Amino acid sequence: VTKQTPGRLGDEQRAWLAKALDARPDKPALVMVHHNPILPDAV
């Protein structure tokens, strides 16, 4: 949502990413996304 701080990929995009990665197993994969990951210790 524009102007709301958090972000989300969603089920469909994550499914696409998994398939796209599986179709390209033989070269390093570098993933880029705007929002920073929220790790377990994040406040």
PDB file of all heavy atoms in Angstrom:
ATOM      1  N   VAL A   1       0.859  -1.179   0.000  1.00  0.00           N
ATOM      2  CA  VAL A   1       0.000   0.000   0.000  1.00  0.00           C
ATOM      3  C   VAL A   1       0.894   1.227   0.000  1.00  0.00           C
ATOM      4  O   VAL A   1       1.762   1.374   0.867  1.00  0.00           O
ATOM      5  CB  VAL A   1      -0.929   0.034   1.229  1.00  0.00           C
ATOM      6  CG1 VAL A   1      -1.805   1.287   1.193  1.00  0.00           C
ATOM      7  CG2 VAL A   1      -1.792  -1.217   1.292  1.00  0.00           C
ATOM      8  N   THR A   2       0.709   2.111  -0.987  1.00  0.00           N
ATOM      9  CA  THR A   2       1.504   3.325  -1.074  1.00  0.00           C
ATOM     10  C   THR A   2       1.342   4.168   0.187  1.00  0.00           C
ATOM     11  O   THR A   2       0.233   4.366   0.676  1.00  0.00           O
ATOM     12  CB  THR A   2       1.095   4.152  -2.304  1.00  0.00           C
ATOM     13  OG1 THR A   2       1.299   3.356  -3.469  1.00  0.00           O
ATOM     14  CG2 THR A   2       1.917   5.432  -2.414  1.00  0.00           C
ATOM     15  N   LYS A   3       2.463   4.626   0.720  1.00  0.00           N
ATOM     16  CA  LYS A   3       2.560   5.479   1.905  1.00  0.00           C
ATOM     17  C   LYS A   3       2.299   4.738   3.208  1.00  0.00           C
ATOM     18  O   LYS A   3       2.242   5.349   4.269  1.00  0.00           O
ATOM     19  CB  LYS A   3       1.655   6.704   1.800  1.00  0.00           C
ATOM     20  CG  LYS A   3       2.159   7.768   0.832  1.00  0.00           C
ATOM     21  CD  LYS A   3       1.629   9.152   1.191  1.00  0.00           C
ATOM     22  CE  LYS A   3       2.236   9.640   2.490  1.00  0.00           C
ATOM     23  NZ  LYS A   3       1.845  11.044   2.793  1.00  0.00           N
ATOM     24  N   GLN A   4       2.151   3.420   3.156  1.00  0.00           N
ATOM     25  CA  GLN A   4       2.167   2.625   4.386  1.00  0.00           C
ATOM     26  C   GLN A   4       3.530   1.945   4.468  1.00  0.00           C
ATOM     27  O   GLN A   4       3.977   1.311   3.512  1.00  0.00           O
ATOM     28  CB  GLN A   4       1.039   1.604   4.404  1.00  0.00           C
ATOM     29  CG  GLN A   4      -0.337   2.238   4.593  1.00  0.00           C
ATOM     30  CD  GLN A   4      -1.419   1.218   4.873  1.00  0.00           C
ATOM     31  OE1 GLN A   4      -1.139   0.065   5.203  1.00  0.00           O
ATOM     32  NE2 GLN A   4      -2.666   1.644   4.754  1.00  0.00           N
ATOM     33  N   THR A   5       4.177   2.071   5.604  1.00  0.00           N
ATOM     34  CA  THR A   5       5.592   1.719   5.705  1.00  0.00           C
ATOM     35  C   THR A   5       5.911   0.255   5.432  1.00  0.00           C
ATOM     36  O   THR A   5       6.828  -0.047   4.669  1.00  0.00           O
ATOM     37  CB  THR A   5       6.139   2.134   7.083  1.00  0.00           C
ATOM     38  OG1 THR A   5       5.886   3.523   7.278  1.00  0.00           O
ATOM     39  CG2 THR A   5       7.636   1.891   7.170  1.00  0.00           C
ATOM     40  N   PRO A   6       5.212  -0.720   6.036  1.00  0.00           N
ATOM     41  CA  PRO A   6       5.593  -2.118   5.780  1.00  0.00           C
ATOM     42  C   PRO A   6       5.277  -2.547   4.351  1.00  0.00           C
ATOM     43  O   PRO A   6       4.499  -1.902   3.636  1.00  0.00           O
ATOM     44  CB  PRO A   6       4.744  -2.907   6.788  1.00  0.00           C
ATOM     45  CG  PRO A   6       4.251  -1.906   7.769  1.00  0.00           C
ATOM     46  CD  PRO A   6       4.138  -0.615   7.022  1.00  0.00           C
ATOM     47  N   GLY A   7       5.862  -3.655   3.953  1.00  0.00           N
ATOM     48  CA  GLY A   7       5.601  -4.218   2.633  1.00  0.00           C
ATOM     49  C   GLY A   7       5.363  -5.711   2.718  1.00  0.00           C
ATOM     50  O   GLY A   7       5.578  -6.343   3.755  1.00  0.00           O
ATOM     51  N   ARG A   8       4.924  -6.289   1.604  1.00  0.00           N
ATOM     52  CA  ARG A   8       4.625  -7.713   1.578  1.00  0.00           C
ATOM     53  C   ARG A   8       4.745  -8.219   0.137  1.00  0.00           C
ATOM     54  O   ARG A   8       4.363  -7.531  -0.808  1.00  0.00           O
ATOM     55  CB  ARG A   8       3.208  -7.968   2.102  1.00  0.00           C
ATOM     56  CG  ARG A   8       2.879  -9.431   2.366  1.00  0.00           C
ATOM     57  CD  ARG A   8       1.399  -9.618   2.682  1.00  0.00           C
ATOM     58  NE  ARG A   8       0.930  -8.762   3.759  1.00  0.00           N
ATOM     59  CZ  ARG A   8       0.953  -9.090   5.047  1.00  0.00           C
ATOM     60  NH1 ARG A   8       1.435 -10.258   5.414  1.00  0.00           N
ATOM     61  NH2 ARG A   8       0.483  -8.256   5.961  1.00  0.00           N
ATOM     62  N   LEU A   9       5.267  -9.428  -0.019  1.00  0.00           N
ATOM     63  CA  LEU A   9       5.345 -10.058  -1.337  1.00  0.00           C
ATOM     64  C   LEU A   9       4.029 -10.734  -1.703  1.00  0.00           C
ATOM     65  O   LEU A   9       3.544 -10.594  -2.816  1.00  0.00           O
ATOM     66  CB  LEU A   9       6.481 -11.083  -1.360  1.00  0.00           C
ATOM     67  CG  LEU A   9       7.889 -10.544  -1.119  1.00  0.00           C
ATOM     68  CD1 LEU A   9       8.876 -11.694  -1.023  1.00  0.00           C
ATOM     69  CD2 LEU A   9       8.296  -9.565  -2.200  1.00  0.00           C
ATOM     70  N   GLY A  10       3.474 -11.499  -0.794  1.00  0.00           N
ATOM     71  CA  GLY A  10       2.228 -12.216  -1.056  1.00  0.00           C
ATOM     72  C   GLY A  10       2.476 -13.611  -1.593  1.00  0.00           C
ATOM     73  O   GLY A  10       3.548 -13.935  -2.109  1.00  0.00           O
ATOM     74  N   ASP A  11       1.441 -14.440  -1.488  1.00  0.00           N
ATOM     75  CA  ASP A  11       1.557 -15.852  -1.854  1.00  0.00           C
ATOM     76  C   ASP A  11       1.913 -16.047  -3.325  1.00  0.00           C
ATOM     77  O   ASP A  11       2.771 -16.869  -3.663  1.00  0.00           O
ATOM     78  CB  ASP A  11       0.240 -16.581  -1.556  1.00  0.00           C
ATOM     79  CG  ASP A  11      -0.074 -16.650  -0.067  1.00  0.00           C
ATOM     80  OD1 ASP A  11       0.853 -16.437   0.744  1.00  0.00           O
ATOM     81  OD2 ASP A  11      -1.239 -16.913   0.275  1.00  0.00           O
ATOM     82  N   GLU A  12       1.252 -15.314  -4.217  1.00  0.00           N
ATOM     83  CA  GLU A  12       1.458 -15.532  -5.646  1.00  0.00           C
ATOM     84  C   GLU A  12       2.880 -15.173  -6.064  1.00  0.00           C
ATOM     85  O   GLU A  12       3.518 -15.907  -6.834  1.00  0.00           O
ATOM     86  CB  GLU A  12       0.445 -14.717  -6.457  1.00  0.00           C
ATOM     87  CG  GLU A  12       0.516 -15.002  -7.956  1.00  0.00           C
ATOM     88  CD  GLU A  12      -0.497 -14.212  -8.763  1.00  0.00           C
ATOM     89  OE1 GLU A  12      -1.261 -13.427  -8.164  1.00  0.00           O
ATOM     90  OE2 GLU A  12      -0.523 -14.382  -9.993  1.00  0.00           O
ATOM     91  N   GLN A  13       3.389 -14.056  -5.560  1.00  0.00           N
ATOM     92  CA  GLN A  13       4.742 -13.650  -5.935  1.00  0.00           C
ATOM     93  C   GLN A  13       5.784 -14.617  -5.371  1.00  0.00           C
ATOM     94  O   GLN A  13       6.753 -14.948  -6.052  1.00  0.00           O
ATOM     95  CB  GLN A  13       5.035 -12.225  -5.452  1.00  0.00           C
ATOM     96  CG  GLN A  13       6.404 -11.727  -5.880  1.00  0.00           C
ATOM     97  CD  GLN A  13       6.647 -10.272  -5.542  1.00  0.00           C
ATOM     98  OE1 GLN A  13       7.679  -9.708  -5.901  1.00  0.00           O
ATOM     99  NE2 GLN A  13       5.723  -9.636  -4.858  1.00  0.00           N
ATOM    100  N   ARG A  14       5.580 -15.073  -4.153  1.00  0.00           N
ATOM    101  CA  ARG A  14       6.529 -16.032  -3.571  1.00  0.00           C
ATOM    102  C   ARG A  14       6.510 -17.348  -4.351  1.00  0.00           C
ATOM    103  O   ARG A  14       7.564 -17.971  -4.565  1.00  0.00           O
ATOM    104  CB  ARG A  14       6.227 -16.257  -2.088  1.00  0.00           C
ATOM    105  CG  ARG A  14       6.444 -15.028  -1.217  1.00  0.00           C
ATOM    106  CD  ARG A  14       6.524 -15.406   0.261  1.00  0.00           C
ATOM    107  NE  ARG A  14       5.429 -16.262   0.669  1.00  0.00           N
ATOM    108  CZ  ARG A  14       4.238 -15.836   1.106  1.00  0.00           C
ATOM    109  NH1 ARG A  14       3.994 -14.526   1.189  1.00  0.00           N
ATOM    110  NH2 ARG A  14       3.300 -16.700   1.471  1.00  0.00           N
ATOM    111  N   ALA A  15       5.342 -17.777  -4.790  1.00  0.00           N
ATOM    112  CA  ALA A  15       5.261 -19.000  -5.599  1.00  0.00           C
ATOM    113  C   ALA A  15       5.994 -18.819  -6.920  1.00  0.00           C
ATOM    114  O   ALA A  15       6.704 -19.726  -7.384  1.00  0.00           O
ATOM    115  CB  ALA A  15       3.796 -19.372  -5.834  1.00  0.00           C
ATOM    116  N   TRP A  16       5.824 -17.647  -7.541  1.00  0.00           N
ATOM    117  CA  TRP A  16       6.552 -17.356  -8.783  1.00  0.00           C
ATOM    118  C   TRP A  16       8.050 -17.375  -8.545  1.00  0.00           C
ATOM    119  O   TRP A  16       8.818 -17.950  -9.345  1.00  0.00           O
ATOM    120  CB  TRP A  16       6.133 -15.998  -9.336  1.00  0.00           C
ATOM    121  CG  TRP A  16       7.049 -15.525 -10.424  1.00  0.00           C
ATOM    122  CD1 TRP A  16       7.035 -15.896 -11.735  1.00  0.00           C
ATOM    123  CD2 TRP A  16       8.163 -14.623 -10.284  1.00  0.00           C
ATOM    124  NE1 TRP A  16       8.064 -15.277 -12.424  1.00  0.00           N
ATOM    125  CE2 TRP A  16       8.767 -14.495 -11.562  1.00  0.00           C
ATOM    126  CE3 TRP A  16       8.691 -13.905  -9.212  1.00  0.00           C
ATOM    127  CZ2 TRP A  16       9.872 -13.676 -11.776  1.00  0.00           C
ATOM    128  CZ3 TRP A  16       9.808 -13.095  -9.424  1.00  0.00           C
ATOM    129  CH2 TRP A  16      10.376 -12.982 -10.702  1.00  0.00           C
ATOM    130  N   LEU A  17       8.496 -16.766  -7.445  1.00  0.00           N
ATOM    131  CA  LEU A  17       9.923 -16.723  -7.145  1.00  0.00           C
ATOM    132  C   LEU A  17      10.484 -18.138  -6.985  1.00  0.00           C
ATOM    133  O   LEU A  17      11.555 -18.445  -7.522  1.00  0.00           O
ATOM    134  CB  LEU A  17      10.165 -15.911  -5.871  1.00  0.00           C
ATOM    135  CG  LEU A  17      11.602 -15.911  -5.346  1.00  0.00           C
ATOM    136  CD1 LEU A  17      12.550 -15.279  -6.365  1.00  0.00           C
ATOM    137  CD2 LEU A  17      11.685 -15.171  -4.008  1.00  0.00           C
ATOM    138  N   ALA A  18       9.777 -18.992  -6.261  1.00  0.00           N
ATOM    139  CA  ALA A  18      10.252 -20.367  -6.071  1.00  0.00           C
ATOM    140  C   ALA A  18      10.406 -21.083  -7.412  1.00  0.00           C
ATOM    141  O   ALA A  18      11.413 -21.756  -7.663  1.00  0.00           O
ATOM    142  CB  ALA A  18       9.291 -21.125  -5.155  1.00  0.00           C
ATOM    143  N   LYS A  19       9.424 -20.918  -8.291  1.00  0.00           N
ATOM    144  CA  LYS A  19       9.495 -21.558  -9.607  1.00  0.00           C
ATOM    145  C   LYS A  19      10.623 -20.963 -10.442  1.00  0.00           C
ATOM    146  O   LYS A  19      11.338 -21.688 -11.148  1.00  0.00           O
ATOM    147  CB  LYS A  19       8.162 -21.406 -10.335  1.00  0.00           C
ATOM    148  CG  LYS A  19       7.029 -22.235  -9.756  1.00  0.00           C
ATOM    149  CD  LYS A  19       5.742 -22.053 -10.539  1.00  0.00           C
ATOM    150  CE  LYS A  19       5.879 -22.561 -11.961  1.00  0.00           C
ATOM    151  NZ  LYS A  19       4.578 -22.491 -12.692  1.00  0.00           N
ATOM    152  N   ALA A  20      10.789 -19.628 -10.380  1.00  0.00           N
ATOM    153  CA  ALA A  20      11.845 -18.975 -11.160  1.00  0.00           C
ATOM    154  C   ALA A  20      13.226 -19.412 -10.677  1.00  0.00           C
ATOM    155  O   ALA A  20      14.141 -19.607 -11.484  1.00  0.00           O
ATOM    156  CB  ALA A  20      11.692 -17.460 -11.061  1.00  0.00           C
ATOM    157  N   LEU A  21      13.389 -19.559  -9.372  1.00  0.00           N
ATOM    158  CA  LEU A  21      14.664 -20.042  -8.838  1.00  0.00           C
ATOM    159  C   LEU A  21      14.911 -21.495  -9.246  1.00  0.00           C
ATOM    160  O   LEU A  21      16.030 -21.849  -9.651  1.00  0.00           O
ATOM    161  CB  LEU A  21      14.671 -19.917  -7.318  1.00  0.00           C
ATOM    162  CG  LEU A  21      14.821 -18.507  -6.749  1.00  0.00           C
ATOM    163  CD1 LEU A  21      14.512 -18.491  -5.258  1.00  0.00           C
ATOM    164  CD2 LEU A  21      16.222 -17.958  -6.999  1.00  0.00           C
ATOM    165  N   ASP A  22      13.886 -22.318  -9.153  1.00  0.00           N
ATOM    166  CA  ASP A  22      14.051 -23.734  -9.497  1.00  0.00           C
ATOM    167  C   ASP A  22      14.380 -23.925 -10.974  1.00  0.00           C
ATOM    168  O   ASP A  22      15.023 -24.907 -11.349  1.00  0.00           O
ATOM    169  CB  ASP A  22      12.785 -24.510  -9.133  1.00  0.00           C
ATOM    170  CG  ASP A  22      12.605 -24.652  -7.627  1.00  0.00           C
ATOM    171  OD1 ASP A  22      13.587 -24.438  -6.881  1.00  0.00           O
ATOM    172  OD2 ASP A  22      11.475 -24.950  -7.193  1.00  0.00           O
ATOM    173  N   ALA A  23      13.951 -22.994 -11.803  1.00  0.00           N
ATOM    174  CA  ALA A  23      14.239 -23.080 -13.237  1.00  0.00           C
ATOM    175  C   ALA A  23      15.656 -22.632 -13.566  1.00  0.00           C
ATOM    176  O   ALA A  23      16.125 -22.841 -14.690  1.00  0.00           O
ATOM    177  CB  ALA A  23      13.235 -22.225 -14.018  1.00  0.00           C
ATOM    178  N   ARG A  24      16.357 -22.047 -12.578  1.00  0.00           N
ATOM    179  CA  ARG A  24      17.705 -21.523 -12.807  1.00  0.00           C
ATOM    180  C   ARG A  24      18.619 -21.950 -11.660  1.00  0.00           C
ATOM    181  O   ARG A  24      19.119 -21.115 -10.897  1.00  0.00           O
ATOM    182  CB  ARG A  24      17.652 -19.994 -12.921  1.00  0.00           C
ATOM    183  CG  ARG A  24      16.782 -19.490 -14.067  1.00  0.00           C
ATOM    184  CD  ARG A  24      16.496 -17.998 -13.933  1.00  0.00           C
ATOM    185  NE  ARG A  24      15.720 -17.500 -15.046  1.00  0.00           N
ATOM    186  CZ  ARG A  24      14.386 -17.588 -15.137  1.00  0.00           C
ATOM    187  NH1 ARG A  24      13.679 -18.172 -14.152  1.00  0.00           N
ATOM    188  NH2 ARG A  24      13.745 -17.100 -16.177  1.00  0.00           N
ATOM    189  N   PRO A  25      18.899 -23.250 -11.547  1.00  0.00           N
ATOM    190  CA  PRO A  25      19.676 -23.738 -10.400  1.00  0.00           C
ATOM    191  C   PRO A  25      21.182 -23.648 -10.566  1.00  0.00           C
ATOM    192  O   PRO A  25      21.917 -23.837  -9.590  1.00  0.00           O
ATOM    193  CB  PRO A  25      19.242 -25.204 -10.302  1.00  0.00           C
ATOM    194  CG  PRO A  25      18.975 -25.591 -11.732  1.00  0.00           C
ATOM    195  CD  PRO A  25      18.397 -24.358 -12.387  1.00  0.00           C
ATOM    196  N   ASP A  26      21.673 -23.392 -11.781  1.00  0.00           N
ATOM    197  CA  ASP A  26      23.089 -23.566 -12.074  1.00  0.00           C
ATOM    198  C   ASP A  26      23.913 -22.284 -12.043  1.00  0.00           C
ATOM    199  O   ASP A  26      25.081 -22.288 -12.414  1.00  0.00           O
ATOM    200  CB  ASP A  26      23.249 -24.228 -13.450  1.00  0.00           C
ATOM    201  CG  ASP A  26      22.608 -25.605 -13.488  1.00  0.00           C
ATOM    202  OD1 ASP A  26      22.607 -26.285 -12.449  1.00  0.00           O
ATOM    203  OD2 ASP A  26      22.095 -25.986 -14.557  1.00  0.00           O
ATOM    204  N   LYS A  27      23.313 -21.179 -11.598  1.00  0.00           N
ATOM    205  CA  LYS A  27      24.034 -19.913 -11.532  1.00  0.00           C
ATOM    206  C   LYS A  27      23.662 -19.222 -10.225  1.00  0.00           C
ATOM    207  O   LYS A  27      22.522 -19.338  -9.768  1.00  0.00           O
ATOM    208  CB  LYS A  27      23.656 -19.039 -12.741  1.00  0.00           C
ATOM    209  CG  LYS A  27      24.535 -17.806 -12.922  1.00  0.00           C
ATOM    210  CD  LYS A  27      24.088 -16.994 -14.126  1.00  0.00           C
ATOM    211  CE  LYS A  27      24.347 -17.714 -15.440  1.00  0.00           C
ATOM    212  NZ  LYS A  27      24.031 -16.847 -16.606  1.00  0.00           N
ATOM    213  N   PRO A  28      24.594 -18.492  -9.589  1.00  0.00           N
ATOM    214  CA  PRO A  28      24.249 -17.773  -8.359  1.00  0.00           C
ATOM    215  C   PRO A  28      23.015 -16.893  -8.544  1.00  0.00           C
ATOM    216  O   PRO A  28      22.856 -16.229  -9.570  1.00  0.00           O
ATOM    217  CB  PRO A  28      25.493 -16.934  -8.079  1.00  0.00           C
ATOM    218  CG  PRO A  28      26.608 -17.736  -8.668  1.00  0.00           C
ATOM    219  CD  PRO A  28      26.029 -18.347  -9.918  1.00  0.00           C
ATOM    220  N   ALA A  29      22.140 -16.919  -7.551  1.00  0.00           N
ATOM    221  CA  ALA A  29      20.920 -16.110  -7.562  1.00  0.00           C
ATOM    222  C   ALA A  29      21.072 -14.975  -6.559  1.00  0.00           C
ATOM    223  O   ALA A  29      21.371 -15.204  -5.381  1.00  0.00           O
ATOM    224  CB  ALA A  29      19.716 -16.967  -7.211  1.00  0.00           C
ATOM    225  N   LEU A  30      20.869 -13.753  -7.037  1.00  0.00           N
ATOM    226  CA  LEU A  30      20.919 -12.554  -6.200  1.00  0.00           C
ATOM    227  C   LEU A  30      19.513 -11.975  -6.184  1.00  0.00           C
ATOM    228  O   LEU A  30      18.986 -11.593  -7.224  1.00  0.00           O
ATOM    229  CB  LEU A  30      21.921 -11.552  -6.759  1.00  0.00           C
ATOM    230  CG  LEU A  30      23.324 -12.119  -7.039  1.00  0.00           C
ATOM    231  CD1 LEU A  30      24.226 -11.043  -7.619  1.00  0.00           C
ATOM    232  CD2 LEU A  30      23.934 -12.723  -5.776  1.00  0.00           C
ATOM    233  N   VAL A  31      18.919 -11.905  -5.020  1.00  0.00           N
ATOM    234  CA  VAL A  31      17.537 -11.468  -4.874  1.00  0.00           C
ATOM    235  C   VAL A  31      17.522 -10.035  -4.380  1.00  0.00           C
ATOM    236  O   VAL A  31      18.274  -9.675  -3.464  1.00  0.00           O
ATOM    237  CB  VAL A  31      16.774 -12.391  -3.900  1.00  0.00           C
ATOM    238  CG1 VAL A  31      15.327 -11.932  -3.736  1.00  0.00           C
ATOM    239  CG2 VAL A  31      16.832 -13.833  -4.391  1.00  0.00           C
ATOM    240  N   MET A  32      16.670  -9.205  -4.979  1.00  0.00           N
ATOM    241  CA  MET A  32      16.563  -7.809  -4.567  1.00  0.00           C
ATOM    242  C   MET A  32      15.109  -7.463  -4.312  1.00  0.00           C
ATOM    243  O   MET A  32      14.225  -7.807  -5.092  1.00  0.00           O
ATOM    244  CB  MET A  32      17.153  -6.867  -5.632  1.00  0.00           C
ATOM    245  CG  MET A  32      17.131  -5.398  -5.233  1.00  0.00           C
ATOM    246  SD  MET A  32      17.976  -4.299  -6.425  1.00  0.00           S
ATOM    247  CE  MET A  32      19.691  -4.638  -6.022  1.00  0.00           C
ATOM    248  N   VAL A  33      14.864  -6.778  -3.199  1.00  0.00           N
ATOM    249  CA  VAL A  33      13.527  -6.349  -2.812  1.00  0.00           C
ATOM    250  C   VAL A  33      13.677  -5.030  -2.055  1.00  0.00           C
ATOM    251  O   VAL A  33      14.703  -4.791  -1.417  1.00  0.00           O
ATOM    252  CB  VAL A  33      12.840  -7.430  -1.947  1.00  0.00           C
ATOM    253  CG1 VAL A  33      13.584  -7.648  -0.633  1.00  0.00           C
ATOM    254  CG2 VAL A  33      11.384  -7.095  -1.699  1.00  0.00           C
ATOM    255  N   HIS A  34      12.657  -4.192  -2.124  1.00  0.00           N
ATOM    256  CA  HIS A  34      12.795  -2.883  -1.479  1.00  0.00           C
ATOM    257  C   HIS A  34      12.825  -2.987   0.042  1.00  0.00           C
ATOM    258  O   HIS A  34      13.697  -2.411   0.704  1.00  0.00           O
ATOM    259  CB  HIS A  34      11.660  -1.944  -1.891  1.00  0.00           C
ATOM    260  CG  HIS A  34      11.735  -0.625  -1.171  1.00  0.00           C
ATOM    261  ND1 HIS A  34      12.693   0.319  -1.449  1.00  0.00           N
ATOM    262  CD2 HIS A  34      10.995  -0.119  -0.142  1.00  0.00           C
ATOM    263  CE1 HIS A  34      12.543   1.356  -0.647  1.00  0.00           C
ATOM    264  NE2 HIS A  34      11.522   1.116   0.161  1.00  0.00           N
ATOM    265  N   HIS A  35      11.870  -3.690   0.633  1.00  0.00           N
ATOM    266  CA  HIS A  35      11.728  -3.692   2.087  1.00  0.00           C
ATOM    267  C   HIS A  35      12.771  -4.571   2.773  1.00  0.00           C
ATOM    268  O   HIS A  35      13.082  -5.666   2.296  1.00  0.00           O
ATOM    269  CB  HIS A  35      10.326  -4.153   2.487  1.00  0.00           C
ATOM    270  CG  HIS A  35       9.274  -3.114   2.261  1.00  0.00           C
ATOM    271  ND1 HIS A  35       8.695  -2.890   1.027  1.00  0.00           N
ATOM    272  CD2 HIS A  35       8.701  -2.232   3.119  1.00  0.00           C
ATOM    273  CE1 HIS A  35       7.802  -1.912   1.131  1.00  0.00           C
ATOM    274  NE2 HIS A  35       7.790  -1.495   2.380  1.00  0.00           N
ATOM    275  N   ASN A  36      13.268  -4.082   3.886  1.00  0.00           N
ATOM    276  CA  ASN A  36      14.236  -4.850   4.664  1.00  0.00           C
ATOM    277  C   ASN A  36      13.567  -6.035   5.347  1.00  0.00           C
ATOM    278  O   ASN A  36      12.405  -5.973   5.747  1.00  0.00           O
ATOM    279  CB  ASN A  36      14.898  -3.968   5.726  1.00  0.00           C
ATOM    280  CG  ASN A  36      13.895  -3.347   6.676  1.00  0.00           C
ATOM    281  OD1 ASN A  36      13.167  -2.434   6.298  1.00  0.00           O
ATOM    282  ND2 ASN A  36      13.840  -3.837   7.903  1.00  0.00           N
ATOM    283  N   PRO A  37      14.282  -7.162   5.460  1.00  0.00           N
ATOM    284  CA  PRO A  37      13.706  -8.314   6.146  1.00  0.00           C
ATOM    285  C   PRO A  37      13.481  -8.010   7.623  1.00  0.00           C
ATOM    286  O   PRO A  37      14.272  -7.312   8.260  1.00  0.00           O
ATOM    287  CB  PRO A  37      14.760  -9.410   5.957  1.00  0.00           C
ATOM    288  CG  PRO A  37      16.024  -8.686   5.657  1.00  0.00           C
ATOM    289  CD  PRO A  37      15.646  -7.418   4.956  1.00  0.00           C
ATOM    290  N   ILE A  38      12.371  -8.517   8.149  1.00  0.00           N
ATOM    291  CA  ILE A  38      12.099  -8.425   9.588  1.00  0.00           C
ATOM    292  C   ILE A  38      12.588  -9.720  10.210  1.00  0.00           C
ATOM    293  O   ILE A  38      11.960 -10.772  10.068  1.00  0.00           O
ATOM    294  CB  ILE A  38      10.599  -8.219   9.860  1.00  0.00           C
ATOM    295  CG1 ILE A  38      10.104  -6.924   9.183  1.00  0.00           C
ATOM    296  CG2 ILE A  38      10.336  -8.167  11.363  1.00  0.00           C
ATOM    297  CD1 ILE A  38       8.610  -6.702   9.327  1.00  0.00           C
ATOM    298  N   LEU A  39      13.720  -9.650  10.883  1.00  0.00           N
ATOM    299  CA  LEU A  39      14.316 -10.827  11.486  1.00  0.00           C
ATOM    300  C   LEU A  39      13.730 -11.055  12.884  1.00  0.00           C
ATOM    301  O   LEU A  39      13.133 -10.140  13.467  1.00  0.00           O
ATOM    302  CB  LEU A  39      15.836 -10.663  11.524  1.00  0.00           C
ATOM    303  CG  LEU A  39      16.480 -10.474  10.137  1.00  0.00           C
ATOM    304  CD1 LEU A  39      17.971 -10.250  10.264  1.00  0.00           C
ATOM    305  CD2 LEU A  39      16.181 -11.655   9.225  1.00  0.00           C
ATOM    306  N   PRO A  40      13.871 -12.247  13.445  1.00  0.00           N
ATOM    307  CA  PRO A  40      13.208 -12.571  14.709  1.00  0.00           C
ATOM    308  C   PRO A  40      13.502 -11.607  15.851  1.00  0.00           C
ATOM    309  O   PRO A  40      12.656 -11.392  16.719  1.00  0.00           O
ATOM    310  CB  PRO A  40      13.738 -13.983  15.023  1.00  0.00           C
ATOM    311  CG  PRO A  40      14.033 -14.566  13.679  1.00  0.00           C
ATOM    312  CD  PRO A  40      14.545 -13.420  12.859  1.00  0.00           C
ATOM    313  N   ASP A  41      14.693 -11.016  15.877  1.00  0.00           N
ATOM    314  CA  ASP A  41      15.049 -10.123  16.976  1.00  0.00           C
ATOM    315  C   ASP A  41      14.707  -8.656  16.698  1.00  0.00           C
ATOM    316  O   ASP A  41      15.052  -7.772  17.475  1.00  0.00           O
ATOM    317  CB  ASP A  41      16.538 -10.243  17.301  1.00  0.00           C
ATOM    318  CG  ASP A  41      17.430  -9.902  16.101  1.00  0.00           C
ATOM    319  OD1 ASP A  41      16.890  -9.788  14.980  1.00  0.00           O
ATOM    320  OD2 ASP A  41      18.646  -9.760  16.290  1.00  0.00           O
ATOM    321  N   ALA A  42      14.022  -8.394  15.575  1.00  0.00           N
ATOM    322  CA  ALA A  42      13.700  -7.013  15.214  1.00  0.00           C
ATOM    323  C   ALA A  42      12.684  -6.421  16.186  1.00  0.00           C
ATOM    324  O   ALA A  42      11.710  -7.070  16.564  1.00  0.00           O
ATOM    325  CB  ALA A  42      13.168  -6.960  13.791  1.00  0.00           C
ATOM    326  N   VAL A  43      12.923  -5.159  16.569  1.00  0.00           N
ATOM    327  CA  VAL A  43      12.000  -4.451  17.448  1.00  0.00           C
ATOM    328  C   VAL A  43      10.871  -3.827  16.629  1.00  0.00           C
ATOM    329  O   VAL A  43       9.700  -3.913  17.005  1.00  0.00           O
ATOM    330  CB  VAL A  43      12.745  -3.367  18.256  1.00  0.00           C
ATOM    331  CG1 VAL A  43      11.758  -2.568  19.100  1.00  0.00           C
ATOM    332  CG2 VAL A  43      13.825  -4.007  19.132  1.00  0.00           C
TER     333      VAL A  43
END
